[in-house]
Protein backbone atom coordinates (compact mmCIF):
# COMPACT_ATOMS: atom_id res chain seq x y z
CA UNK A 1 0.09 42.44 8.03
CA UNK A 2 -1.45 39.81 5.93
CA UNK A 3 -1.52 39.25 2.26
CA UNK A 4 -4.81 37.76 0.96
CA UNK A 5 -5.02 36.12 -2.56
CA UNK A 6 -8.42 36.40 -3.65
CA UNK A 7 -9.96 34.46 -6.57
CA UNK A 8 -12.35 36.77 -8.77
CA UNK A 9 -15.15 34.38 -10.50
CA UNK A 10 -17.17 32.94 -7.78
CA UNK A 11 -15.14 34.72 -5.02
CA UNK A 12 -14.88 38.41 -5.50
CA UNK A 13 -17.44 38.57 -8.35
CA UNK A 14 -20.95 37.14 -8.68
CA UNK A 15 -22.26 37.06 -12.23
CA UNK A 16 -19.21 39.33 -13.36
CA UNK A 17 -19.87 41.91 -10.93
CA UNK A 18 -18.37 42.77 -7.41
CA UNK A 19 -20.12 40.51 -5.01
CA UNK A 20 -22.01 41.58 -2.14
CA UNK A 21 -19.93 43.46 0.48
CA UNK A 22 -16.92 42.55 -1.89
CA UNK A 23 -15.90 46.33 -2.04
CA UNK A 24 -16.68 47.07 1.44
CA UNK A 25 -14.51 44.09 2.29
CA UNK A 26 -11.39 45.03 0.36
CA UNK A 27 -11.65 48.68 1.50
CA UNK A 28 -11.55 47.80 5.09
CA UNK A 29 -8.86 45.14 4.48
CA UNK A 30 -6.52 48.00 2.64
CA UNK A 31 -7.36 50.19 5.75
CA UNK A 32 -6.07 47.78 8.11
CA UNK A 33 -2.79 47.58 6.24
CA UNK A 34 -3.48 44.29 4.41
CA UNK A 35 -2.57 43.50 1.02
CA UNK A 36 -5.41 42.09 -1.13
CA UNK A 37 -4.26 40.46 -4.48
CA UNK A 38 -6.44 39.18 -6.99
CA UNK A 39 -5.52 35.65 -8.03
CA UNK A 40 -7.08 34.70 -11.34
CA UNK A 41 -6.84 32.55 -14.44
CA UNK A 42 -7.87 35.44 -16.65
CA UNK A 43 -4.98 37.35 -18.47
CA UNK A 44 -4.50 40.94 -17.39
CA UNK A 45 -6.73 42.15 -20.47
CA UNK A 46 -9.74 40.44 -18.76
CA UNK A 47 -9.20 42.31 -15.37
CA UNK A 48 -8.53 45.93 -16.35
CA UNK A 49 -11.91 47.12 -15.36
CA UNK A 50 -12.96 44.96 -12.54
CA UNK A 51 -9.34 45.54 -10.68
CA UNK A 52 -10.18 49.27 -10.91
CA UNK A 53 -13.64 48.86 -9.58
CA UNK A 54 -12.54 46.53 -6.83
CA UNK A 55 -9.77 49.05 -5.74
CA UNK A 56 -7.00 46.48 -6.07
CA UNK A 57 -3.73 47.17 -7.82
CA UNK A 58 -1.82 43.82 -7.18
CA UNK A 59 -2.64 40.71 -9.22
CA UNK A 60 -1.53 37.41 -10.27
CA UNK A 61 -3.04 36.45 -13.88
CA UNK A 62 -3.14 33.63 -16.24
CA UNK A 63 -2.92 31.23 -13.25
CA UNK A 64 0.45 32.45 -11.97
CA UNK A 65 2.27 33.35 -14.84
CA UNK A 66 1.79 37.09 -14.82
CA UNK A 67 2.57 38.95 -11.52
CA UNK A 68 2.00 42.58 -11.09
CA UNK A 69 2.43 44.21 -7.53
CA UNK A 70 1.14 47.73 -6.85
CA UNK A 71 0.98 48.15 -10.61
CA UNK A 72 4.52 47.13 -11.22
CA UNK A 73 5.38 44.01 -13.38
CA UNK A 74 6.99 41.52 -11.03
CA UNK A 75 6.84 38.10 -13.25
CA UNK A 76 5.82 37.31 -16.77
CA UNK A 77 6.22 33.89 -18.39
CA UNK A 78 4.96 33.52 -22.02
CA UNK A 79 4.48 30.29 -23.65
CA UNK A 80 7.37 29.49 -25.85
CA UNK A 81 6.53 29.99 -29.55
CA UNK A 82 7.44 26.67 -30.74
CA UNK A 83 5.13 25.11 -27.96
CA UNK A 84 2.13 27.55 -29.57
CA UNK A 85 2.82 26.44 -33.10
CA UNK A 86 2.65 22.63 -32.07
CA UNK A 87 -0.51 23.22 -30.21
CA UNK A 88 -2.21 24.94 -33.17
CA UNK A 89 -0.83 22.36 -35.46
CA UNK A 90 -2.88 19.80 -33.71
CA UNK A 91 -5.80 22.21 -33.36
CA UNK A 92 -5.79 22.31 -37.26
CA UNK A 93 -4.92 18.68 -37.52
CA UNK A 94 -7.76 17.44 -35.17
CA UNK A 95 -10.23 20.45 -36.00
CA UNK A 96 -10.89 21.73 -32.30
CA UNK A 97 -11.62 24.81 -31.15
CA UNK A 98 -8.86 26.90 -28.93
CA UNK A 99 -8.66 30.23 -27.53
CA UNK A 100 -5.13 32.21 -27.10
CA UNK A 101 -4.69 34.77 -24.25
CA UNK A 102 -2.27 37.19 -24.27
CA UNK A 103 -1.33 40.35 -21.91
CA UNK A 104 -3.71 42.60 -23.77
CA UNK A 105 -5.82 40.10 -26.01
CA UNK A 106 -8.66 37.26 -25.79
CA UNK A 107 -8.73 35.85 -29.23
CA UNK A 108 -9.83 32.59 -30.91
CA UNK A 109 -7.43 30.59 -33.11
CA UNK A 110 -10.23 28.26 -34.21
CA UNK A 111 -14.02 28.79 -33.29
CA UNK A 112 -16.32 26.27 -35.07
CA UNK A 113 -18.75 25.50 -32.25
CA UNK A 114 -20.83 27.40 -29.75
CA UNK A 115 -18.79 26.19 -26.48
CA UNK A 116 -16.06 29.23 -27.22
CA UNK A 117 -18.75 31.78 -26.66
CA UNK A 118 -20.70 29.96 -23.93
CA UNK A 119 -17.33 29.38 -22.04
CA UNK A 120 -17.08 33.12 -22.17
CA UNK A 121 -20.74 33.83 -20.99
CA UNK A 122 -20.10 31.58 -17.60
CA UNK A 123 -17.43 34.16 -16.76
CA UNK A 124 -19.25 37.52 -18.22
CA UNK A 125 -16.07 38.09 -20.50
CA UNK A 126 -16.37 39.28 -24.17
CA UNK A 127 -16.66 36.59 -27.19
CA UNK A 128 -13.36 36.28 -28.76
CA UNK A 129 -12.90 36.87 -32.67
CA UNK A 130 -10.72 34.96 -34.57
CA UNK A 131 -7.10 35.51 -35.57
CA UNK A 132 -4.99 33.05 -37.22
CA UNK A 133 -1.78 35.26 -37.06
CA UNK A 134 -1.60 37.12 -33.69
CA UNK A 135 0.60 34.28 -32.10
CA UNK A 136 3.21 34.55 -34.67
CA UNK A 137 4.36 37.92 -33.37
CA UNK A 138 3.15 38.41 -30.18
CA UNK A 139 3.58 36.47 -26.82
CA UNK A 140 0.90 34.40 -25.30
CA UNK A 141 -0.03 33.54 -21.80
CA UNK A 142 -2.40 30.77 -21.79
CA UNK A 143 -5.07 29.05 -23.71
CA UNK A 144 -8.71 27.45 -23.68
CA UNK A 145 -9.81 24.36 -25.06
CA UNK A 146 -13.25 23.02 -24.83
CA UNK A 147 -13.34 19.18 -25.36
CA UNK A 148 -12.71 16.45 -22.75
CA UNK A 149 -11.27 14.08 -25.34
CA UNK A 150 -9.23 16.66 -27.13
CA UNK A 151 -7.62 17.71 -23.52
CA UNK A 152 -6.73 14.09 -22.52
CA UNK A 153 -5.08 13.47 -25.97
CA UNK A 154 -3.04 16.34 -25.45
CA UNK A 155 -1.79 16.14 -21.82
CA UNK A 156 0.75 13.56 -22.75
CA UNK A 157 1.93 15.35 -25.81
CA UNK A 158 2.55 18.50 -24.01
CA UNK A 159 4.57 17.72 -20.86
CA UNK A 160 5.57 21.47 -20.79
CA UNK A 161 1.77 22.51 -20.22
CA UNK A 162 -0.98 21.89 -17.61
CA UNK A 163 -4.34 21.46 -18.39
CA UNK A 164 -6.76 22.26 -15.47
CA UNK A 165 -10.79 22.41 -15.69
CA UNK A 166 -11.95 25.71 -15.81
CA UNK A 167 -15.63 25.25 -15.71
CA UNK A 168 -18.11 22.63 -16.95
CA UNK A 169 -17.31 23.45 -20.59
CA UNK A 170 -13.46 23.84 -20.97
CA UNK A 171 -10.01 23.96 -19.81
CA UNK A 172 -7.09 26.43 -19.00
CA UNK A 173 -3.89 25.54 -20.42
CA UNK A 174 -0.99 27.02 -18.74
CA UNK A 175 2.91 26.56 -18.46
CA UNK A 176 3.63 23.65 -16.28
CA UNK A 177 3.87 24.53 -12.60
CA UNK A 178 1.65 24.99 -9.45
CA UNK A 179 -0.81 27.28 -11.15
CA UNK A 180 -1.86 30.02 -8.65
CA UNK A 181 -0.16 28.56 -5.91
CA UNK A 182 3.35 29.26 -7.57
CA UNK A 183 2.40 32.72 -8.40
CA UNK A 184 1.45 33.11 -4.59
CA UNK A 185 4.62 31.64 -3.41
CA UNK A 186 6.68 33.83 -5.81
CA UNK A 187 5.17 36.97 -4.69
CA UNK A 188 5.42 36.11 -1.05
CA UNK A 189 9.05 35.44 -1.16
CA UNK A 190 9.40 38.67 -3.55
CA UNK A 191 7.93 40.76 -0.65
CA UNK A 192 9.89 38.82 2.08
CA UNK A 193 6.55 37.90 3.87
CA UNK A 194 6.25 35.26 6.42
CA UNK A 195 4.17 31.92 5.69
CA UNK A 196 1.67 32.87 8.56
CA UNK A 197 0.70 35.97 6.90
CA UNK A 198 -0.60 34.24 3.85
CA UNK A 199 -4.28 33.75 3.28
CA UNK A 200 -6.05 32.49 0.24
CA UNK A 201 -9.82 32.49 -0.65
CA UNK A 202 -11.33 30.53 -3.69
CA UNK A 203 -14.03 28.37 -5.40
CA UNK A 204 -12.66 26.58 -8.15
CA UNK A 205 -10.30 23.78 -9.47
CA UNK A 206 -7.68 26.15 -10.33
CA UNK A 207 -7.61 27.17 -6.45
CA UNK A 208 -6.80 24.03 -5.17
CA UNK A 209 -3.07 24.32 -4.90
CA UNK A 210 -3.35 27.83 -3.77
CA UNK A 211 -5.54 26.95 -0.81
CA UNK A 212 -3.55 23.99 0.02
CA UNK A 213 -0.13 25.98 0.25
CA UNK A 214 -1.59 29.11 1.71
CA UNK A 215 -1.18 29.11 5.71
CA UNK A 216 -4.93 29.84 5.60
CA UNK A 217 -6.89 28.39 2.97
CA UNK A 218 -10.45 29.48 2.67
CA UNK A 219 -13.05 27.78 0.33
CA UNK A 220 -16.34 29.81 -0.44
CA UNK A 221 -19.62 28.27 0.50
CA UNK A 222 -20.20 27.89 -3.20
CA UNK A 223 -16.75 25.88 -3.87
CA UNK A 224 -16.38 22.63 -5.50
CA UNK A 225 -16.49 19.89 -2.76
CA UNK A 226 -12.72 18.72 -3.46
CA UNK A 227 -11.73 22.50 -2.59
CA UNK A 228 -13.59 22.44 0.34
CA UNK A 229 -12.20 19.30 1.51
CA UNK A 230 -8.57 20.82 1.49
CA UNK A 231 -9.55 24.28 3.02
CA UNK A 232 -9.03 25.28 6.55
CA UNK A 233 -12.09 27.24 6.81
CA UNK A 234 -15.33 27.52 4.74
CA UNK A 235 -17.13 30.74 4.44
CA UNK A 236 -20.52 31.73 3.00
CA UNK A 237 -21.53 31.68 -0.59
CA UNK A 238 -20.27 34.37 -2.97
CA UNK A 239 -23.84 36.06 -3.40
CA UNK A 240 -24.00 36.21 0.49
CA UNK A 241 -20.90 38.07 1.27
CA UNK A 242 -18.52 35.18 1.72
CA UNK A 243 -15.47 37.06 1.12
CA UNK A 244 -16.52 39.55 3.90
CA UNK A 245 -17.37 36.87 6.25
CA UNK A 246 -14.16 35.22 5.70
CA UNK A 247 -12.37 38.41 6.55
CA UNK A 248 -14.45 39.00 9.53
CA UNK A 249 -13.98 35.58 11.04
CA UNK A 250 -10.07 35.88 10.58
CA UNK A 251 -10.04 39.42 12.12
CA UNK A 252 -8.72 40.99 9.16
CA UNK A 253 -11.32 43.46 9.22
């Protein structure tokens, strides 16, 4: 039995919809007795509909800090409130846009520029509304900022967090750790699986550690060059059925 960790955007999804042959690939993978797991920077709120459409009931969200296996919560690591308050203090002081993500929400704490909605459009997700109070009474899992200079200034001030380029516009901000790789390893250990049973497929910067640490790390044809350089195998593009082709290559389907 294999466990296969699959990124969403640019891997299982193409322009926000299941990529060609992705549904067929997942169906065949499950029929063979293997375990598909979504591994994404998105929070649970932003995978609710797509996981149902894909037929996957196990997922790692918020780059490894929220894990569900067969619809049962395995791990949840919210960002401590004191860190959240400090982050938002600087957002107000320096007047930069920032989005907050919780289990059930995708909201903006500040939203003054077009980059916030453009970031959402790249991932085909909703435009966040502004809420200045939500964080005071609700746990948060991650954040997004949209300015390279701001991200670089914040990094040394917040050693408790990790800043990862999510796309050409913005950054994911998560609790410090090895991102998706840490979530992957946690779930593998939780299920008492062997390393040689672990596969991972992705295309983005937040997939780097996961691809490196999986026994079989697979880069999509449309992946960043840095990811391809560390992968064990490079499959075809997302829009050309890359996930299906990769699973077939490794005889998982």
